[in-house]
Amino acid sequence: MRHKDDKKNQAICDAAIELITANGFADTSMSKIAKTANVSPATIYVYFENKENLLNKIYLFVKQEMSSEILKGVDQNLSVEKAFKMIWNNYYQYAIKNPVRFAFTEQFANSPMVDRICKNESSTYFKPMLDLFNRGKEEKVFKDISLEIFTAFTFAPLTGLIKEHFSGALVLDEKMLETTYKIAWDAVTN
């Protein structure tokens, strides 16, 4: 059994994220990933069973990384409003600082290629956000709506604008960001 090297694993993950995001899953071969990661194709199989396993593990890795950044600084002592704004701003900052990883998660968020177990596990990374949602409902700050509606009105408008920003169709400046935040806050609060 070959020894696993964290640097090689990270290089493989970074290469896969970059190539899959740019070229799609079907057009990204293990040999292309190996070449970009500067490892032999056989090395990839030391870390991953197959391409599907690679995708699922990388999806989990990126979602865990994303949740850590989004939830940074959030604790139960913050008011619901302050915690919500921090999460919302952290989401924006993560996306702007990590455009390839952001695009990767968007590409596979609703994909059947990422298995259900993987999606369920990745949702546990965001448990503090779920706790905030429930606390906000209990305190009557948030409307009595489902988590799916809450999430859609909280993040979908910002996600769409971030994508437009990355494509060059618009410049997402502070004024637009603040307006978007206010609309998201107003949509989910009483």
C-alpha atoms as a PDB file:
ATOM      1  CA  MET A   1       0.000   0.000   0.000  1.00  0.00           C
ATOM      2  CA  ARG A   2       1.364   3.383  -0.975  1.00  0.00           C
ATOM      3  CA  HIS A   3       1.741   6.137   1.595  1.00  0.00           C
ATOM      4  CA  LYS A   4      -0.756   9.009   1.295  1.00  0.00           C
ATOM      5  CA  ASP A   5       0.757  12.459   1.000  1.00  0.00           C
ATOM      6  CA  ASP A   6      -1.452  15.429   2.015  1.00  0.00           C
ATOM      7  CA  LYS A   7       0.233  17.702  -0.551  1.00  0.00           C
ATOM      8  CA  LYS A   8      -0.486  15.269  -3.377  1.00  0.00           C
ATOM      9  CA  ASN A   9      -4.068  14.834  -2.200  1.00  0.00           C
ATOM     10  CA  GLN A  10      -4.533  18.613  -2.142  1.00  0.00           C
ATOM     11  CA  ALA A  11      -2.936  18.984  -5.584  1.00  0.00           C
ATOM     12  CA  ILE A  12      -5.300  16.333  -6.982  1.00  0.00           C
ATOM     13  CA  CYS A  13      -8.319  18.034  -5.385  1.00  0.00           C
ATOM     14  CA  ASP A  14      -7.332  21.485  -6.629  1.00  0.00           C
ATOM     15  CA  ALA A  15      -6.681  20.182 -10.148  1.00  0.00           C
ATOM     16  CA  ALA A  16      -9.994  18.300 -10.221  1.00  0.00           C
ATOM     17  CA  ILE A  17     -11.958  21.322  -9.011  1.00  0.00           C
ATOM     18  CA  GLU A  18     -10.321  23.566 -11.604  1.00  0.00           C
ATOM     19  CA  LEU A  19     -10.741  21.142 -14.524  1.00  0.00           C
ATOM     20  CA  ILE A  20     -14.249  19.934 -13.672  1.00  0.00           C
ATOM     21  CA  THR A  21     -15.444  23.520 -13.218  1.00  0.00           C
ATOM     22  CA  ALA A  22     -13.885  24.631 -16.501  1.00  0.00           C
ATOM     23  CA  ASN A  23     -14.601  21.570 -18.663  1.00  0.00           C
ATOM     24  CA  GLY A  24     -17.402  19.669 -16.945  1.00  0.00           C
ATOM     25  CA  PHE A  25     -17.325  16.264 -15.309  1.00  0.00           C
ATOM     26  CA  ALA A  26     -17.634  14.208 -18.513  1.00  0.00           C
ATOM     27  CA  ASP A  27     -14.786  16.031 -20.267  1.00  0.00           C
ATOM     28  CA  THR A  28     -12.375  15.774 -17.347  1.00  0.00           C
ATOM     29  CA  SER A  29     -10.399  12.545 -17.359  1.00  0.00           C
ATOM     30  CA  MET A  30      -8.379  11.174 -14.488  1.00  0.00           C
ATOM     31  CA  SER A  31      -5.271  11.496 -16.666  1.00  0.00           C
ATOM     32  CA  LYS A  32      -5.950  15.227 -17.197  1.00  0.00           C
ATOM     33  CA  ILE A  33      -6.378  15.665 -13.449  1.00  0.00           C
ATOM     34  CA  ALA A  34      -3.122  13.772 -12.833  1.00  0.00           C
ATOM     35  CA  LYS A  35      -1.233  15.874 -15.368  1.00  0.00           C
ATOM     36  CA  THR A  36      -2.521  19.146 -13.886  1.00  0.00           C
ATOM     37  CA  ALA A  37      -1.774  17.920 -10.345  1.00  0.00           C
ATOM     38  CA  ASN A  38       1.703  16.820 -11.444  1.00  0.00           C
ATOM     39  CA  VAL A  39       1.170  13.224 -10.283  1.00  0.00           C
ATOM     40  CA  SER A  40       0.893   9.921 -12.095  1.00  0.00           C
ATOM     41  CA  PRO A  41      -2.620   8.715 -12.969  1.00  0.00           C
ATOM     42  CA  ALA A  42      -2.076   5.684 -10.691  1.00  0.00           C
ATOM     43  CA  THR A  43      -1.465   8.048  -7.757  1.00  0.00           C
ATOM     44  CA  ILE A  44      -5.038   9.341  -7.950  1.00  0.00           C
ATOM     45  CA  TYR A  45      -6.309   5.816  -7.228  1.00  0.00           C
ATOM     46  CA  VAL A  46      -4.345   5.762  -3.972  1.00  0.00           C
ATOM     47  CA  TYR A  47      -6.693   8.521  -2.754  1.00  0.00           C
ATOM     48  CA  PHE A  48      -9.911   7.869  -4.697  1.00  0.00           C
ATOM     49  CA  GLU A  49     -11.675   4.698  -5.853  1.00  0.00           C
ATOM     50  CA  ASN A  50     -12.901   6.196  -9.146  1.00  0.00           C
ATOM     51  CA  LYS A  51     -13.997   9.484 -10.702  1.00  0.00           C
ATOM     52  CA  GLU A  52     -17.397   9.452  -8.974  1.00  0.00           C
ATOM     53  CA  ASN A  53     -15.737   8.883  -5.593  1.00  0.00           C
ATOM     54  CA  LEU A  54     -13.349  11.744  -6.378  1.00  0.00           C
ATOM     55  CA  LEU A  55     -16.273  14.068  -7.161  1.00  0.00           C
ATOM     56  CA  ASN A  56     -18.153  13.171  -3.979  1.00  0.00           C
ATOM     57  CA  LYS A  57     -15.118  13.547  -1.726  1.00  0.00           C
ATOM     58  CA  ILE A  58     -14.165  16.849  -3.306  1.00  0.00           C
ATOM     59  CA  TYR A  59     -17.743  18.103  -3.031  1.00  0.00           C
ATOM     60  CA  LEU A  60     -17.683  17.304   0.701  1.00  0.00           C
ATOM     61  CA  PHE A  61     -14.272  18.925   1.097  1.00  0.00           C
ATOM     62  CA  VAL A  62     -15.372  22.150  -0.610  1.00  0.00           C
ATOM     63  CA  LYS A  63     -18.686  22.301   1.276  1.00  0.00           C
ATOM     64  CA  GLN A  64     -16.855  21.832   4.584  1.00  0.00           C
ATOM     65  CA  GLU A  65     -14.370  24.553   3.646  1.00  0.00           C
ATOM     66  CA  MET A  66     -17.237  26.815   2.555  1.00  0.00           C
ATOM     67  CA  SER A  67     -19.237  26.239   5.749  1.00  0.00           C
ATOM     68  CA  SER A  68     -16.208  27.092   7.888  1.00  0.00           C
ATOM     69  CA  GLU A  69     -15.819  30.399   6.078  1.00  0.00           C
ATOM     70  CA  ILE A  70     -19.528  31.232   6.025  1.00  0.00           C
ATOM     71  CA  LEU A  71     -19.952  30.505   9.731  1.00  0.00           C
ATOM     72  CA  LYS A  72     -16.755  32.277  10.807  1.00  0.00           C
ATOM     73  CA  GLY A  73     -17.460  34.552  13.776  1.00  0.00           C
ATOM     74  CA  VAL A  74     -21.045  33.342  14.209  1.00  0.00           C
ATOM     75  CA  ASP A  75     -22.059  32.248  17.691  1.00  0.00           C
ATOM     76  CA  GLN A  76     -25.242  31.901  19.726  1.00  0.00           C
ATOM     77  CA  ASN A  77     -24.551  35.139  21.622  1.00  0.00           C
ATOM     78  CA  LEU A  78     -25.141  37.248  18.519  1.00  0.00           C
ATOM     79  CA  SER A  79     -28.598  38.567  17.806  1.00  0.00           C
ATOM     80  CA  VAL A  80     -30.432  36.799  15.002  1.00  0.00           C
ATOM     81  CA  GLU A  81     -30.048  39.874  12.807  1.00  0.00           C
ATOM     82  CA  LYS A  82     -26.292  40.228  13.417  1.00  0.00           C
ATOM     83  CA  ALA A  83     -25.680  36.516  12.852  1.00  0.00           C
ATOM     84  CA  PHE A  84     -27.774  36.561   9.666  1.00  0.00           C
ATOM     85  CA  LYS A  85     -25.860  39.549   8.299  1.00  0.00           C
ATOM     86  CA  MET A  86     -22.522  37.966   9.191  1.00  0.00           C
ATOM     87  CA  ILE A  87     -23.446  34.716   7.419  1.00  0.00           C
ATOM     88  CA  TRP A  88     -24.724  36.603   4.390  1.00  0.00           C
ATOM     89  CA  ASN A  89     -21.586  38.755   4.153  1.00  0.00           C
ATOM     90  CA  ASN A  90     -19.318  35.752   4.756  1.00  0.00           C
ATOM     91  CA  TYR A  91     -21.065  33.916   1.913  1.00  0.00           C
ATOM     92  CA  TYR A  92     -20.388  36.845  -0.391  1.00  0.00           C
ATOM     93  CA  GLN A  93     -16.739  37.076   0.712  1.00  0.00           C
ATOM     94  CA  TYR A  94     -16.204  33.333   0.243  1.00  0.00           C
ATOM     95  CA  ALA A  95     -17.640  33.429  -3.278  1.00  0.00           C
ATOM     96  CA  ILE A  96     -15.603  36.481  -4.318  1.00  0.00           C
ATOM     97  CA  LYS A  97     -12.349  35.091  -2.886  1.00  0.00           C
ATOM     98  CA  ASN A  98     -12.928  31.557  -4.214  1.00  0.00           C
ATOM     99  CA  PRO A  99     -14.605  31.895  -7.621  1.00  0.00           C
ATOM    100  CA  VAL A 100     -13.610  28.434  -8.885  1.00  0.00           C
ATOM    101  CA  ARG A 101     -14.732  26.648  -5.714  1.00  0.00           C
ATOM    102  CA  PHE A 102     -17.943  28.709  -5.688  1.00  0.00           C
ATOM    103  CA  ALA A 103     -18.633  27.724  -9.319  1.00  0.00           C
ATOM    104  CA  PHE A 104     -17.849  24.084  -8.496  1.00  0.00           C
ATOM    105  CA  THR A 105     -20.405  23.963  -5.665  1.00  0.00           C
ATOM    106  CA  GLU A 106     -22.992  25.697  -7.829  1.00  0.00           C
ATOM    107  CA  GLN A 107     -22.368  23.238 -10.663  1.00  0.00           C
ATOM    108  CA  PHE A 108     -22.962  20.204  -8.448  1.00  0.00           C
ATOM    109  CA  ALA A 109     -25.430  21.461  -5.829  1.00  0.00           C
ATOM    110  CA  ASN A 110     -28.367  19.794  -7.585  1.00  0.00           C
ATOM    111  CA  SER A 111     -26.489  17.241  -9.636  1.00  0.00           C
ATOM    112  CA  PRO A 112     -27.381  13.551  -9.499  1.00  0.00           C
ATOM    113  CA  MET A 113     -23.638  12.858  -9.762  1.00  0.00           C
ATOM    114  CA  VAL A 114     -23.244  13.875  -6.108  1.00  0.00           C
ATOM    115  CA  ASP A 115     -24.887  11.109  -4.131  1.00  0.00           C
ATOM    116  CA  ARG A 116     -27.598  11.657  -1.514  1.00  0.00           C
ATOM    117  CA  ILE A 117     -25.390  10.496   1.370  1.00  0.00           C
ATOM    118  CA  CYS A 118     -22.818  13.077   0.378  1.00  0.00           C
ATOM    119  CA  LYS A 119     -25.437  15.848   0.185  1.00  0.00           C
ATOM    120  CA  ASN A 120     -26.886  14.848   3.566  1.00  0.00           C
ATOM    121  CA  GLU A 121     -23.437  14.888   5.145  1.00  0.00           C
ATOM    122  CA  SER A 122     -22.607  18.269   3.629  1.00  0.00           C
ATOM    123  CA  SER A 123     -25.798  19.746   5.083  1.00  0.00           C
ATOM    124  CA  THR A 124     -24.567  18.866   8.590  1.00  0.00           C
ATOM    125  CA  TYR A 125     -21.679  21.307   8.081  1.00  0.00           C
ATOM    126  CA  PHE A 126     -24.224  24.131   8.076  1.00  0.00           C
ATOM    127  CA  LYS A 127     -26.036  23.071  11.278  1.00  0.00           C
ATOM    128  CA  PRO A 128     -25.314  26.407  13.057  1.00  0.00           C
ATOM    129  CA  MET A 129     -27.159  28.130  10.220  1.00  0.00           C
ATOM    130  CA  LEU A 130     -30.127  25.788  10.717  1.00  0.00           C
ATOM    131  CA  ASP A 131     -29.996  26.546  14.441  1.00  0.00           C
ATOM    132  CA  LEU A 132     -30.086  30.270  13.649  1.00  0.00           C
ATOM    133  CA  PHE A 133     -33.073  29.749  11.340  1.00  0.00           C
ATOM    134  CA  ASN A 134     -34.956  27.864  14.072  1.00  0.00           C
ATOM    135  CA  ARG A 135     -34.024  30.425  16.733  1.00  0.00           C
ATOM    136  CA  GLY A 136     -35.137  33.249  14.441  1.00  0.00           C
ATOM    137  CA  LYS A 137     -38.499  31.554  13.942  1.00  0.00           C
ATOM    138  CA  GLU A 138     -38.905  30.966  17.701  1.00  0.00           C
ATOM    139  CA  GLU A 139     -38.096  34.618  18.412  1.00  0.00           C
ATOM    140  CA  LYS A 140     -40.567  35.645  15.664  1.00  0.00           C
ATOM    141  CA  VAL A 141     -37.788  37.456  13.773  1.00  0.00           C
ATOM    142  CA  PHE A 142     -38.125  35.187  10.736  1.00  0.00           C
ATOM    143  CA  LYS A 143     -41.356  34.442   8.964  1.00  0.00           C
ATOM    144  CA  ASP A 144     -42.941  31.055   9.528  1.00  0.00           C
ATOM    145  CA  ILE A 145     -41.646  29.613   6.245  1.00  0.00           C
ATOM    146  CA  SER A 146     -39.858  26.416   5.254  1.00  0.00           C
ATOM    147  CA  LEU A 147     -36.085  26.179   5.311  1.00  0.00           C
ATOM    148  CA  GLU A 148     -36.085  25.804   1.521  1.00  0.00           C
ATOM    149  CA  ILE A 149     -37.942  29.103   1.024  1.00  0.00           C
ATOM    150  CA  PHE A 150     -35.770  30.806   3.633  1.00  0.00           C
ATOM    151  CA  THR A 151     -32.583  29.622   1.925  1.00  0.00           C
ATOM    152  CA  ALA A 152     -33.836  30.576  -1.536  1.00  0.00           C
ATOM    153  CA  PHE A 153     -34.724  34.134  -0.553  1.00  0.00           C
ATOM    154  CA  THR A 154     -31.583  34.543   1.541  1.00  0.00           C
ATOM    155  CA  PHE A 155     -28.959  33.301  -0.920  1.00  0.00           C
ATOM    156  CA  ALA A 156     -30.399  32.897  -4.443  1.00  0.00           C
ATOM    157  CA  PRO A 157     -30.536  36.627  -5.275  1.00  0.00           C
ATOM    158  CA  LEU A 158     -26.962  37.140  -4.087  1.00  0.00           C
ATOM    159  CA  THR A 159     -25.781  33.994  -5.886  1.00  0.00           C
ATOM    160  CA  GLY A 160     -27.314  35.225  -9.138  1.00  0.00           C
ATOM    161  CA  LEU A 161     -25.646  38.619  -8.799  1.00  0.00           C
ATOM    162  CA  ILE A 162     -22.279  37.031  -7.974  1.00  0.00           C
ATOM    163  CA  LYS A 163     -22.535  34.937 -11.153  1.00  0.00           C
ATOM    164  CA  GLU A 164     -23.371  38.065 -13.162  1.00  0.00           C
ATOM    165  CA  HIS A 165     -20.417  39.830 -11.538  1.00  0.00           C
ATOM    166  CA  PHE A 166     -18.056  36.982 -12.483  1.00  0.00           C
ATOM    167  CA  SER A 167     -19.340  36.979 -16.064  1.00  0.00           C
ATOM    168  CA  GLY A 168     -18.654  40.710 -16.354  1.00  0.00           C
ATOM    169  CA  ALA A 169     -22.318  41.548 -16.931  1.00  0.00           C
ATOM    170  CA  LEU A 170     -22.381  43.826 -13.871  1.00  0.00           C
ATOM    171  CA  VAL A 171     -20.181  45.246 -11.163  1.00  0.00           C
ATOM    172  CA  LEU A 172     -21.389  44.179  -7.749  1.00  0.00           C
ATOM    173  CA  ASP A 173     -20.554  47.298  -5.758  1.00  0.00           C
ATOM    174  CA  GLU A 174     -21.272  48.168  -2.111  1.00  0.00           C
ATOM    175  CA  LYS A 175     -24.542  49.957  -2.910  1.00  0.00           C
ATOM    176  CA  MET A 176     -25.910  47.003  -4.884  1.00  0.00           C
ATOM    177  CA  LEU A 177     -24.719  44.614  -2.192  1.00  0.00           C
ATOM    178  CA  GLU A 178     -26.435  46.598   0.576  1.00  0.00           C
ATOM    179  CA  THR A 179     -29.668  46.830  -1.452  1.00  0.00           C
ATOM    180  CA  THR A 180     -29.584  43.080  -2.102  1.00  0.00           C
ATOM    181  CA  TYR A 181     -28.982  42.378   1.579  1.00  0.00           C
ATOM    182  CA  LYS A 182     -31.920  44.584   2.604  1.00  0.00           C
ATOM    183  CA  ILE A 183     -34.232  42.852   0.132  1.00  0.00           C
ATOM    184  CA  ALA A 184     -33.118  39.400   1.380  1.00  0.00           C
ATOM    185  CA  TRP A 185     -33.584  40.447   5.031  1.00  0.00           C
ATOM    186  CA  ASP A 186     -37.013  41.965   4.340  1.00  0.00           C
ATOM    187  CA  ALA A 187     -38.097  38.835   2.429  1.00  0.00           C
ATOM    188  CA  VAL A 188     -37.514  36.463   5.346  1.00  0.00           C
ATOM    189  CA  THR A 189     -38.354  38.632   8.385  1.00  0.00           C
ATOM    190  CA  ASN A 190     -41.610  39.684  10.015  1.00  0.00           C
END
